[in-house]
Amino acid sequence: MTEKRIVLGVSGASGMEYALALARHLAAVPGLSVHGIISAGARQVLEHECVRYGAELETYFQYVYAVDNVAAPPASGSWHHDGMVICPCSMASLAAIAQGVGTHLLHRAADVCLKERRPLVLVVRETPLSAVHLRNMLRAHQAGAIIMPACPGFYHQPRTLDDIVRHFAGRVMEQLGLPHTLYARWGETESA
């Protein structure tokens, strides 16, 4: 396999701006193919949060798999890829992944990442967090997932929403070992 593959799952939590920015920047990485899984709940939230440009999300994917297709390639450990991100990750998806009781392709693909020891980044988006949420995050972390709450940084002096989501997309890409120039790292002076 010469090209790198990343699976981007989108679940039904608020934070679709993060998903759009991440998809856009992943699609711009040379030699990277982005495989998308969008839950039914995500489609509803996307329609609500990104009324004018929500349909743009799928244009960044080379492949889009139906969430109810548990026979799709990401459901198998023998299908090789370089990692998965669920952005945003709802508390329901977090719970299903942490407990190993997935009901559709998004959950199954995450479960495959854990069992195959591939990178799995969960961009959880909820506030405040209950004890149940925190236990599920700990459980998913102990199973091998990277928990990345959708908390923006401000040390890079963002001026726009795009600055905030672009910075966060860069942080996620770093967890996957992908190059980017989306923001100036601490100690650097300029970003692209």
N, C-alpha and C. Protein backbone atom coordinates (compact mmCIF):
# COMPACT_ATOMS: atom_id res chain seq x y z
N MET A 1 0.85 -1.17 0.00
CA MET A 1 0.00 0.00 0.00
C MET A 1 0.90 1.23 0.00
N THR A 2 0.79 2.06 -1.04
CA THR A 2 1.64 3.24 -1.10
C THR A 2 0.94 4.47 -0.57
N GLU A 3 -0.34 4.62 -0.86
CA GLU A 3 -1.03 5.80 -0.36
C GLU A 3 -1.46 5.58 1.08
N LYS A 4 -1.44 6.65 1.85
CA LYS A 4 -1.92 6.57 3.23
C LYS A 4 -3.44 6.71 3.22
N ARG A 5 -4.07 6.05 4.18
CA ARG A 5 -5.52 6.13 4.33
C ARG A 5 -5.86 6.56 5.75
N ILE A 6 -6.79 7.49 5.86
CA ILE A 6 -7.33 7.89 7.15
C ILE A 6 -8.84 7.76 7.07
N VAL A 7 -9.44 7.22 8.11
CA VAL A 7 -10.89 7.14 8.22
C VAL A 7 -11.34 8.32 9.08
N LEU A 8 -12.26 9.11 8.56
CA LEU A 8 -12.84 10.21 9.32
C LEU A 8 -14.31 9.89 9.57
N GLY A 9 -14.62 9.60 10.82
CA GLY A 9 -15.99 9.36 11.23
C GLY A 9 -16.57 10.63 11.81
N VAL A 10 -17.84 10.86 11.54
CA VAL A 10 -18.52 12.04 12.06
C VAL A 10 -19.78 11.56 12.76
N SER A 11 -19.89 11.83 14.07
CA SER A 11 -21.07 11.40 14.81
C SER A 11 -21.92 12.61 15.18
N GLY A 12 -23.05 12.37 15.80
CA GLY A 12 -24.06 13.40 16.00
C GLY A 12 -23.87 14.30 17.20
N ALA A 13 -22.73 14.91 17.34
CA ALA A 13 -22.50 15.90 18.40
C ALA A 13 -22.32 17.27 17.75
N SER A 14 -22.51 18.29 18.53
CA SER A 14 -22.23 19.64 18.04
C SER A 14 -20.72 19.77 17.79
N GLY A 15 -20.37 20.59 16.83
CA GLY A 15 -18.95 20.79 16.52
C GLY A 15 -18.62 20.46 15.08
N MET A 16 -19.59 20.61 14.18
CA MET A 16 -19.37 20.26 12.78
C MET A 16 -18.33 21.15 12.10
N GLU A 17 -18.11 22.35 12.62
CA GLU A 17 -17.04 23.19 12.06
C GLU A 17 -15.69 22.49 12.19
N TYR A 18 -15.49 21.77 13.30
CA TYR A 18 -14.26 21.01 13.47
C TYR A 18 -14.16 19.91 12.41
N ALA A 19 -15.26 19.20 12.18
CA ALA A 19 -15.26 18.12 11.18
C ALA A 19 -14.96 18.65 9.79
N LEU A 20 -15.59 19.75 9.43
CA LEU A 20 -15.36 20.34 8.11
C LEU A 20 -13.91 20.78 7.94
N ALA A 21 -13.37 21.46 8.93
CA ALA A 21 -11.98 21.92 8.84
C ALA A 21 -11.03 20.74 8.74
N LEU A 22 -11.25 19.73 9.57
CA LEU A 22 -10.37 18.56 9.55
C LEU A 22 -10.45 17.86 8.21
N ALA A 23 -11.66 17.64 7.69
CA ALA A 23 -11.81 16.98 6.39
C ALA A 23 -11.10 17.78 5.29
N ARG A 24 -11.27 19.08 5.30
CA ARG A 24 -10.66 19.95 4.29
C ARG A 24 -9.13 19.83 4.33
N HIS A 25 -8.57 19.86 5.52
CA HIS A 25 -7.11 19.84 5.64
C HIS A 25 -6.53 18.44 5.42
N LEU A 26 -7.27 17.40 5.80
CA LEU A 26 -6.82 16.04 5.49
C LEU A 26 -6.79 15.83 3.97
N ALA A 27 -7.83 16.30 3.30
CA ALA A 27 -7.92 16.13 1.84
C ALA A 27 -6.78 16.83 1.11
N ALA A 28 -6.19 17.83 1.74
CA ALA A 28 -5.10 18.58 1.10
C ALA A 28 -3.73 17.93 1.28
N VAL A 29 -3.64 16.86 2.06
CA VAL A 29 -2.36 16.20 2.28
C VAL A 29 -2.04 15.32 1.07
N PRO A 30 -0.94 15.57 0.38
CA PRO A 30 -0.58 14.75 -0.78
C PRO A 30 -0.42 13.28 -0.40
N GLY A 31 -0.96 12.40 -1.24
CA GLY A 31 -0.81 10.96 -1.01
C GLY A 31 -1.69 10.40 0.08
N LEU A 32 -2.66 11.19 0.57
CA LEU A 32 -3.56 10.72 1.63
C LEU A 32 -4.96 10.58 1.07
N SER A 33 -5.57 9.44 1.32
CA SER A 33 -6.95 9.20 0.91
C SER A 33 -7.82 9.21 2.16
N VAL A 34 -8.90 9.99 2.12
CA VAL A 34 -9.78 10.17 3.28
C VAL A 34 -11.06 9.38 3.04
N HIS A 35 -11.36 8.49 3.98
CA HIS A 35 -12.53 7.61 3.91
C HIS A 35 -13.52 8.07 4.97
N GLY A 36 -14.74 8.42 4.55
CA GLY A 36 -15.70 9.00 5.48
C GLY A 36 -16.82 8.06 5.89
N ILE A 37 -17.22 8.21 7.16
CA ILE A 37 -18.40 7.53 7.70
C ILE A 37 -19.17 8.60 8.46
N ILE A 38 -20.40 8.86 8.05
CA ILE A 38 -21.20 9.90 8.67
C ILE A 38 -22.46 9.26 9.24
N SER A 39 -22.67 9.41 10.55
CA SER A 39 -23.85 8.82 11.18
C SER A 39 -25.10 9.62 10.82
N ALA A 40 -26.25 9.00 11.04
CA ALA A 40 -27.53 9.69 10.79
C ALA A 40 -27.65 10.92 11.68
N GLY A 41 -27.26 10.80 12.92
CA GLY A 41 -27.30 11.95 13.83
C GLY A 41 -26.39 13.06 13.37
N ALA A 42 -25.23 12.70 12.84
CA ALA A 42 -24.29 13.71 12.33
C ALA A 42 -24.91 14.48 11.17
N ARG A 43 -25.62 13.78 10.32
CA ARG A 43 -26.25 14.47 9.18
C ARG A 43 -27.26 15.51 9.66
N GLN A 44 -28.00 15.17 10.72
CA GLN A 44 -28.97 16.13 11.28
C GLN A 44 -28.27 17.35 11.87
N VAL A 45 -27.22 17.10 12.65
CA VAL A 45 -26.50 18.21 13.28
C VAL A 45 -25.81 19.06 12.22
N LEU A 46 -25.24 18.41 11.22
CA LEU A 46 -24.57 19.14 10.13
C LEU A 46 -25.55 20.07 9.42
N GLU A 47 -26.74 19.57 9.16
CA GLU A 47 -27.76 20.38 8.51
C GLU A 47 -28.13 21.60 9.37
N HIS A 48 -28.17 21.41 10.67
CA HIS A 48 -28.53 22.50 11.57
C HIS A 48 -27.39 23.51 11.75
N GLU A 49 -26.17 23.02 11.95
CA GLU A 49 -25.04 23.91 12.25
C GLU A 49 -24.41 24.55 11.02
N CYS A 50 -24.48 23.88 9.90
CA CYS A 50 -23.79 24.36 8.69
C CYS A 50 -24.78 24.43 7.53
N VAL A 51 -25.83 25.19 7.71
CA VAL A 51 -26.94 25.25 6.76
C VAL A 51 -26.48 25.51 5.34
N ARG A 52 -25.59 26.48 5.16
CA ARG A 52 -25.20 26.89 3.81
C ARG A 52 -24.15 26.02 3.17
N TYR A 53 -23.34 25.32 3.96
CA TYR A 53 -22.21 24.61 3.36
C TYR A 53 -21.98 23.22 3.93
N GLY A 54 -22.97 22.64 4.58
CA GLY A 54 -22.82 21.31 5.16
C GLY A 54 -22.58 20.22 4.13
N ALA A 55 -23.15 20.38 2.93
CA ALA A 55 -22.98 19.37 1.88
C ALA A 55 -21.53 19.28 1.42
N GLU A 56 -20.75 20.30 1.74
CA GLU A 56 -19.34 20.34 1.37
C GLU A 56 -18.54 19.20 2.00
N LEU A 57 -18.97 18.71 3.16
CA LEU A 57 -18.20 17.70 3.90
C LEU A 57 -17.83 16.50 3.03
N GLU A 58 -18.81 15.92 2.37
CA GLU A 58 -18.55 14.70 1.60
C GLU A 58 -17.63 14.93 0.41
N THR A 59 -17.49 16.16 -0.04
CA THR A 59 -16.62 16.42 -1.19
C THR A 59 -15.15 16.20 -0.84
N TYR A 60 -14.82 16.17 0.44
CA TYR A 60 -13.43 15.96 0.86
C TYR A 60 -13.07 14.49 1.00
N PHE A 61 -14.05 13.60 0.89
CA PHE A 61 -13.80 12.17 1.04
C PHE A 61 -13.60 11.51 -0.32
N GLN A 62 -12.59 10.64 -0.42
CA GLN A 62 -12.44 9.85 -1.64
C GLN A 62 -13.48 8.72 -1.64
N TYR A 63 -13.84 8.26 -0.45
CA TYR A 63 -14.85 7.21 -0.29
C TYR A 63 -15.76 7.59 0.86
N VAL A 64 -17.06 7.33 0.70
CA VAL A 64 -18.02 7.53 1.78
C VAL A 64 -18.76 6.21 1.96
N TYR A 65 -18.77 5.71 3.19
CA TYR A 65 -19.42 4.44 3.49
C TYR A 65 -20.71 4.69 4.26
N ALA A 66 -21.75 3.97 3.90
CA ALA A 66 -23.02 4.08 4.63
C ALA A 66 -22.81 3.56 6.05
N VAL A 67 -23.33 4.28 7.00
CA VAL A 67 -23.11 3.93 8.41
C VAL A 67 -23.71 2.57 8.77
N ASP A 68 -24.71 2.13 8.02
CA ASP A 68 -25.32 0.82 8.31
C ASP A 68 -24.65 -0.33 7.54
N ASN A 69 -23.60 -0.04 6.78
CA ASN A 69 -22.91 -1.07 6.00
C ASN A 69 -21.75 -1.65 6.81
N VAL A 70 -22.04 -2.64 7.63
CA VAL A 70 -20.99 -3.22 8.46
C VAL A 70 -20.09 -4.18 7.68
N ALA A 71 -20.31 -4.29 6.37
CA ALA A 71 -19.42 -5.08 5.52
C ALA A 71 -18.45 -4.18 4.75
N ALA A 72 -18.48 -2.88 5.00
CA ALA A 72 -17.57 -1.94 4.32
C ALA A 72 -16.13 -2.19 4.78
N PRO A 73 -15.15 -1.82 3.97
CA PRO A 73 -13.75 -2.08 4.31
C PRO A 73 -13.32 -1.67 5.73
N PRO A 74 -13.72 -0.49 6.26
CA PRO A 74 -13.24 -0.14 7.61
C PRO A 74 -13.72 -1.08 8.72
N ALA A 75 -14.66 -1.97 8.42
CA ALA A 75 -15.16 -2.92 9.43
C ALA A 75 -14.23 -4.11 9.60
N SER A 76 -13.21 -4.21 8.77
CA SER A 76 -12.32 -5.38 8.81
C SER A 76 -10.90 -4.99 9.21
N GLY A 77 -10.34 -5.79 10.07
CA GLY A 77 -8.95 -5.58 10.47
C GLY A 77 -7.97 -5.85 9.35
N SER A 78 -8.38 -6.61 8.33
CA SER A 78 -7.47 -6.91 7.23
C SER A 78 -7.39 -5.77 6.21
N TRP A 79 -8.27 -4.78 6.33
CA TRP A 79 -8.20 -3.59 5.48
C TRP A 79 -7.30 -2.60 6.18
N HIS A 80 -6.17 -2.32 5.57
CA HIS A 80 -5.16 -1.49 6.24
C HIS A 80 -5.43 0.00 6.04
N HIS A 81 -5.26 0.73 7.11
CA HIS A 81 -5.31 2.19 7.07
C HIS A 81 -4.38 2.71 8.15
N ASP A 82 -4.22 4.02 8.18
CA ASP A 82 -3.22 4.63 9.06
C ASP A 82 -3.81 5.30 10.28
N GLY A 83 -5.10 5.13 10.50
CA GLY A 83 -5.72 5.69 11.69
C GLY A 83 -7.11 6.20 11.41
N MET A 84 -7.81 6.50 12.50
CA MET A 84 -9.19 6.96 12.42
C MET A 84 -9.40 8.09 13.41
N VAL A 85 -10.23 9.03 13.00
CA VAL A 85 -10.66 10.12 13.87
C VAL A 85 -12.18 10.12 13.87
N ILE A 86 -12.79 10.29 15.02
CA ILE A 86 -14.22 10.57 15.08
C ILE A 86 -14.33 12.00 15.58
N CYS A 87 -14.82 12.87 14.69
CA CYS A 87 -14.86 14.31 14.96
C CYS A 87 -16.14 14.90 14.40
N PRO A 88 -17.02 15.39 15.23
CA PRO A 88 -17.02 15.27 16.67
C PRO A 88 -17.47 13.87 17.09
N CYS A 89 -17.14 13.52 18.31
CA CYS A 89 -17.54 12.22 18.86
C CYS A 89 -18.59 12.45 19.93
N SER A 90 -19.79 11.98 19.67
CA SER A 90 -20.89 12.14 20.63
C SER A 90 -20.64 11.25 21.85
N MET A 91 -21.31 11.54 22.92
CA MET A 91 -21.19 10.73 24.12
C MET A 91 -21.77 9.34 23.89
N ALA A 92 -22.78 9.22 23.02
CA ALA A 92 -23.33 7.90 22.69
C ALA A 92 -22.29 7.06 21.94
N SER A 93 -21.59 7.67 20.99
CA SER A 93 -20.54 6.93 20.27
C SER A 93 -19.39 6.60 21.19
N LEU A 94 -19.00 7.54 22.04
CA LEU A 94 -17.95 7.27 23.02
C LEU A 94 -18.32 6.07 23.88
N ALA A 95 -19.56 6.04 24.37
CA ALA A 95 -20.01 4.94 25.23
C ALA A 95 -19.97 3.61 24.48
N ALA A 96 -20.45 3.60 23.24
CA ALA A 96 -20.45 2.36 22.46
C ALA A 96 -19.03 1.86 22.24
N ILE A 97 -18.11 2.77 21.95
CA ILE A 97 -16.71 2.39 21.71
C ILE A 97 -16.06 1.92 23.00
N ALA A 98 -16.27 2.66 24.07
CA ALA A 98 -15.65 2.32 25.37
C ALA A 98 -16.14 0.97 25.89
N GLN A 99 -17.41 0.66 25.62
CA GLN A 99 -17.99 -0.58 26.12
C GLN A 99 -17.89 -1.73 25.12
N GLY A 100 -17.45 -1.44 23.89
CA GLY A 100 -17.33 -2.49 22.87
C GLY A 100 -18.67 -3.02 22.39
N VAL A 101 -19.68 -2.15 22.34
CA VAL A 101 -21.02 -2.59 21.95
C VAL A 101 -21.55 -1.77 20.78
N GLY A 102 -20.72 -1.57 19.79
CA GLY A 102 -21.11 -0.76 18.64
C GLY A 102 -22.28 -1.34 17.88
N THR A 103 -23.06 -0.43 17.29
CA THR A 103 -24.26 -0.85 16.58
C THR A 103 -24.20 -0.58 15.08
N HIS A 104 -23.16 0.11 14.61
CA HIS A 104 -23.06 0.40 13.18
C HIS A 104 -21.59 0.56 12.78
N LEU A 105 -21.36 0.90 11.53
CA LEU A 105 -20.01 0.94 10.98
C LEU A 105 -19.08 1.90 11.71
N LEU A 106 -19.57 3.05 12.12
CA LEU A 106 -18.73 4.01 12.82
C LEU A 106 -18.13 3.37 14.07
N HIS A 107 -18.96 2.71 14.85
CA HIS A 107 -18.49 2.05 16.08
C HIS A 107 -17.60 0.86 15.75
N ARG A 108 -17.99 0.07 14.76
CA ARG A 108 -17.20 -1.11 14.39
C ARG A 108 -15.81 -0.71 13.90
N ALA A 109 -15.73 0.33 13.08
CA ALA A 109 -14.44 0.78 12.57
C ALA A 109 -13.54 1.24 13.72
N ALA A 110 -14.11 1.91 14.71
CA ALA A 110 -13.34 2.33 15.88
C ALA A 110 -12.87 1.11 16.67
N ASP A 111 -13.74 0.13 16.82
CA ASP A 111 -13.39 -1.10 17.53
C ASP A 111 -12.23 -1.81 16.82
N VAL A 112 -12.26 -1.82 15.49
CA VAL A 112 -11.17 -2.42 14.72
C VAL A 112 -9.86 -1.70 15.00
N CYS A 113 -9.90 -0.37 15.07
CA CYS A 113 -8.67 0.38 15.39
C CYS A 113 -8.10 -0.06 16.73
N LEU A 114 -8.96 -0.21 17.72
CA LEU A 114 -8.49 -0.61 19.04
C LEU A 114 -7.89 -2.01 19.02
N LYS A 115 -8.59 -2.95 18.38
CA LYS A 115 -8.08 -4.33 18.40
C LYS A 115 -6.83 -4.50 17.55
N GLU A 116 -6.70 -3.69 16.50
CA GLU A 116 -5.53 -3.77 15.62
C GLU A 116 -4.41 -2.82 16.06
N ARG A 117 -4.65 -2.06 17.12
CA ARG A 117 -3.67 -1.11 17.67
C ARG A 117 -3.30 -0.02 16.66
N ARG A 118 -4.32 0.47 15.97
CA ARG A 118 -4.14 1.61 15.06
C ARG A 118 -4.57 2.88 15.78
N PRO A 119 -4.04 4.01 15.40
CA PRO A 119 -4.44 5.26 16.05
C PRO A 119 -5.95 5.50 15.93
N LEU A 120 -6.56 5.85 17.04
CA LEU A 120 -7.98 6.22 17.09
C LEU A 120 -8.08 7.49 17.92
N VAL A 121 -8.48 8.58 17.27
CA VAL A 121 -8.61 9.87 17.95
C VAL A 121 -10.10 10.17 18.09
N LEU A 122 -10.53 10.37 19.33
CA LEU A 122 -11.93 10.69 19.60
C LEU A 122 -12.02 12.16 20.03
N VAL A 123 -12.61 12.97 19.17
CA VAL A 123 -12.77 14.40 19.46
C VAL A 123 -14.11 14.57 20.16
N VAL A 124 -14.08 14.36 21.47
CA VAL A 124 -15.31 14.41 22.26
C VAL A 124 -15.79 15.85 22.40
N ARG A 125 -17.10 16.01 22.37
CA ARG A 125 -17.68 17.36 22.38
C ARG A 125 -18.94 17.34 23.24
N GLU A 126 -18.76 17.68 24.48
CA GLU A 126 -19.89 17.77 25.42
C GLU A 126 -19.44 18.60 26.60
N THR A 127 -20.37 19.32 27.20
CA THR A 127 -20.06 20.06 28.42
C THR A 127 -21.35 20.41 29.14
N PRO A 128 -21.41 20.30 30.44
CA PRO A 128 -20.41 19.71 31.31
C PRO A 128 -20.37 18.20 31.13
N LEU A 129 -19.36 17.58 31.69
CA LEU A 129 -19.19 16.14 31.60
C LEU A 129 -19.69 15.47 32.88
N SER A 130 -20.44 14.38 32.70
CA SER A 130 -20.90 13.62 33.86
C SER A 130 -19.84 12.59 34.25
N ALA A 131 -20.02 11.97 35.39
CA ALA A 131 -19.11 10.90 35.82
C ALA A 131 -19.12 9.76 34.81
N VAL A 132 -20.27 9.48 34.22
CA VAL A 132 -20.38 8.42 33.20
C VAL A 132 -19.52 8.78 31.99
N HIS A 133 -19.60 10.02 31.53
CA HIS A 133 -18.78 10.46 30.39
C HIS A 133 -17.30 10.29 30.71
N LEU A 134 -16.90 10.73 31.89
CA LEU A 134 -15.49 10.65 32.28
C LEU A 134 -15.01 9.21 32.37
N ARG A 135 -15.85 8.33 32.92
CA ARG A 135 -15.48 6.90 32.98
C ARG A 135 -15.33 6.32 31.58
N ASN A 136 -16.24 6.69 30.68
CA ASN A 136 -16.15 6.19 29.31
C ASN A 136 -14.90 6.70 28.61
N MET A 137 -14.53 7.95 28.86
CA MET A 137 -13.28 8.48 28.29
C MET A 137 -12.09 7.71 28.82
N LEU A 138 -12.07 7.45 30.11
CA LEU A 138 -10.96 6.70 30.70
C LEU A 138 -10.91 5.29 30.12
N ARG A 139 -12.06 4.66 30.00
CA ARG A 139 -12.11 3.30 29.46
C ARG A 139 -11.60 3.27 28.01
N ALA A 140 -12.04 4.22 27.20
CA ALA A 140 -11.58 4.28 25.80
C ALA A 140 -10.08 4.55 25.75
N HIS A 141 -9.60 5.44 26.61
CA HIS A 141 -8.16 5.73 26.67
C HIS A 141 -7.38 4.47 27.06
N GLN A 142 -7.86 3.76 28.05
CA GLN A 142 -7.17 2.54 28.50
C GLN A 142 -7.16 1.47 27.41
N ALA A 143 -8.16 1.50 26.52
CA ALA A 143 -8.21 0.55 25.41
C ALA A 143 -7.30 0.98 24.26
N GLY A 144 -6.79 2.21 24.31
CA GLY A 144 -5.86 2.66 23.28
C GLY A 144 -6.26 3.90 22.51
N ALA A 145 -7.44 4.44 22.77
CA ALA A 145 -7.88 5.64 22.05
C ALA A 145 -7.18 6.89 22.58
N ILE A 146 -7.05 7.87 21.72
CA ILE A 146 -6.56 9.19 22.11
C ILE A 146 -7.80 10.06 22.29
N ILE A 147 -7.97 10.59 23.48
CA ILE A 147 -9.12 11.44 23.78
C ILE A 147 -8.70 12.90 23.60
N MET A 148 -9.36 13.58 22.66
CA MET A 148 -9.06 14.99 22.39
C MET A 148 -10.34 15.80 22.51
N PRO A 149 -10.61 16.34 23.68
CA PRO A 149 -11.79 17.21 23.80
C PRO A 149 -11.67 18.38 22.82
N ALA A 150 -12.78 18.77 22.25
CA ALA A 150 -12.79 19.87 21.28
C ALA A 150 -12.63 21.19 22.02
N CYS A 151 -11.47 21.37 22.61
CA CYS A 151 -11.14 22.58 23.38
C CYS A 151 -10.11 23.38 22.60
N PRO A 152 -10.47 24.55 22.14
CA PRO A 152 -9.51 25.33 21.36
C PRO A 152 -8.41 25.92 22.23
N GLY A 153 -7.26 26.09 21.62
CA GLY A 153 -6.16 26.80 22.27
C GLY A 153 -6.22 28.27 21.87
N PHE A 154 -5.63 29.12 22.68
CA PHE A 154 -5.66 30.54 22.38
C PHE A 154 -4.28 31.18 22.37
N TYR A 155 -3.23 30.38 22.64
CA TYR A 155 -1.88 30.95 22.66
C TYR A 155 -1.43 31.40 21.28
N HIS A 156 -2.09 30.92 20.23
CA HIS A 156 -1.73 31.33 18.87
C HIS A 156 -2.49 32.59 18.44
N GLN A 157 -3.21 33.21 19.37
CA GLN A 157 -3.89 34.49 19.15
C GLN A 157 -4.90 34.43 17.99
N PRO A 158 -5.88 33.52 18.05
CA PRO A 158 -6.85 33.43 16.95
C PRO A 158 -7.70 34.70 16.85
N ARG A 159 -8.04 35.05 15.62
CA ARG A 159 -8.88 36.23 15.39
C ARG A 159 -10.24 35.84 14.82
N THR A 160 -10.31 34.64 14.25
CA THR A 160 -11.56 34.20 13.61
C THR A 160 -11.88 32.78 14.03
N LEU A 161 -13.12 32.37 13.73
CA LEU A 161 -13.51 30.98 13.97
C LEU A 161 -12.62 30.05 13.16
N ASP A 162 -12.30 30.44 11.93
CA ASP A 162 -11.42 29.61 11.10
C ASP A 162 -10.06 29.41 11.76
N ASP A 163 -9.51 30.43 12.38
CA ASP A 163 -8.23 30.29 13.09
C ASP A 163 -8.34 29.23 14.18
N ILE A 164 -9.45 29.23 14.89
CA ILE A 164 -9.65 28.29 16.00
C ILE A 164 -9.77 26.86 15.49
N VAL A 165 -10.63 26.64 14.49
CA VAL A 165 -10.83 25.26 14.02
C VAL A 165 -9.62 24.76 13.23
N ARG A 166 -8.92 25.66 12.54
CA ARG A 166 -7.71 25.26 11.82
C ARG A 166 -6.63 24.80 12.80
N HIS A 167 -6.46 25.52 13.89
CA HIS A 167 -5.49 25.13 14.92
C HIS A 167 -5.84 23.75 15.46
N PHE A 168 -7.10 23.53 15.75
CA PHE A 168 -7.50 22.24 16.30
C PHE A 168 -7.30 21.12 15.28
N ALA A 169 -7.62 21.38 14.01
CA ALA A 169 -7.39 20.38 12.96
C ALA A 169 -5.91 20.00 12.91
N GLY A 170 -5.04 20.98 13.04
CA GLY A 170 -3.60 20.70 13.06
C GLY A 170 -3.21 19.82 14.23
N ARG A 171 -3.80 20.08 15.39
CA ARG A 171 -3.50 19.26 16.57
C ARG A 171 -3.93 17.80 16.34
N VAL A 172 -5.08 17.60 15.71
CA VAL A 172 -5.54 16.24 15.41
C VAL A 172 -4.59 15.59 14.41
N MET A 173 -4.21 16.32 13.38
CA MET A 173 -3.31 15.76 12.37
C MET A 173 -1.98 15.34 12.98
N GLU A 174 -1.50 16.07 13.97
CA GLU A 174 -0.27 15.68 14.65
C GLU A 174 -0.43 14.34 15.35
N GLN A 175 -1.59 14.08 15.91
CA GLN A 175 -1.82 12.80 16.58
C GLN A 175 -1.77 11.63 15.60
N LEU A 176 -2.03 11.92 14.33
CA LEU A 176 -1.99 10.90 13.29
C LEU A 176 -0.64 10.86 12.57
N GLY A 177 0.29 11.71 12.99
CA GLY A 177 1.60 11.75 12.36
C GLY A 177 1.60 12.38 10.99
N LEU A 178 0.63 13.25 10.73
CA LEU A 178 0.50 13.88 9.41
C LEU A 178 1.10 15.28 9.42
N PRO A 179 1.79 15.64 8.35
CA PRO A 179 2.40 16.97 8.28
C PRO A 179 1.33 18.05 8.06
N HIS A 180 1.61 19.23 8.55
CA HIS A 180 0.72 20.37 8.30
C HIS A 180 1.47 21.66 8.61
N THR A 181 0.91 22.74 8.11
CA THR A 181 1.41 24.08 8.43
C THR A 181 0.22 24.95 8.81
N LEU A 182 -0.66 24.42 9.62
CA LEU A 182 -1.92 25.10 9.93
C LEU A 182 -1.80 26.17 11.00
N TYR A 183 -0.73 26.13 11.76
CA TYR A 183 -0.52 27.15 12.79
C TYR A 183 0.94 27.13 13.19
N ALA A 184 1.36 28.18 13.83
CA ALA A 184 2.73 28.25 14.34
C ALA A 184 2.80 27.48 15.65
N ARG A 185 3.71 26.53 15.72
CA ARG A 185 3.90 25.79 16.97
C ARG A 185 4.56 26.71 17.99
N TRP A 186 4.43 26.34 19.23
CA TRP A 186 5.01 27.15 20.29
C TRP A 186 6.49 27.40 20.00
N GLY A 187 6.91 28.65 20.03
CA GLY A 187 8.29 29.00 19.75
C GLY A 187 8.54 29.37 18.30
N GLU A 188 7.59 29.07 17.40
CA GLU A 188 7.70 29.48 16.00
C GLU A 188 7.01 30.83 15.85
N THR A 189 7.28 31.51 14.76
CA THR A 189 6.70 32.85 14.62
C THR A 189 5.58 32.95 13.61
N GLU A 190 5.54 32.08 12.60
CA GLU A 190 4.52 32.23 11.57
C GLU A 190 3.93 30.89 11.20
N SER A 191 2.67 30.91 10.73
CA SER A 191 2.03 29.73 10.16
C SER A 191 1.71 30.02 8.71
N ALA A 192 1.34 28.98 7.98
CA ALA A 192 1.01 29.16 6.56
C ALA A 192 -0.34 29.79 6.38
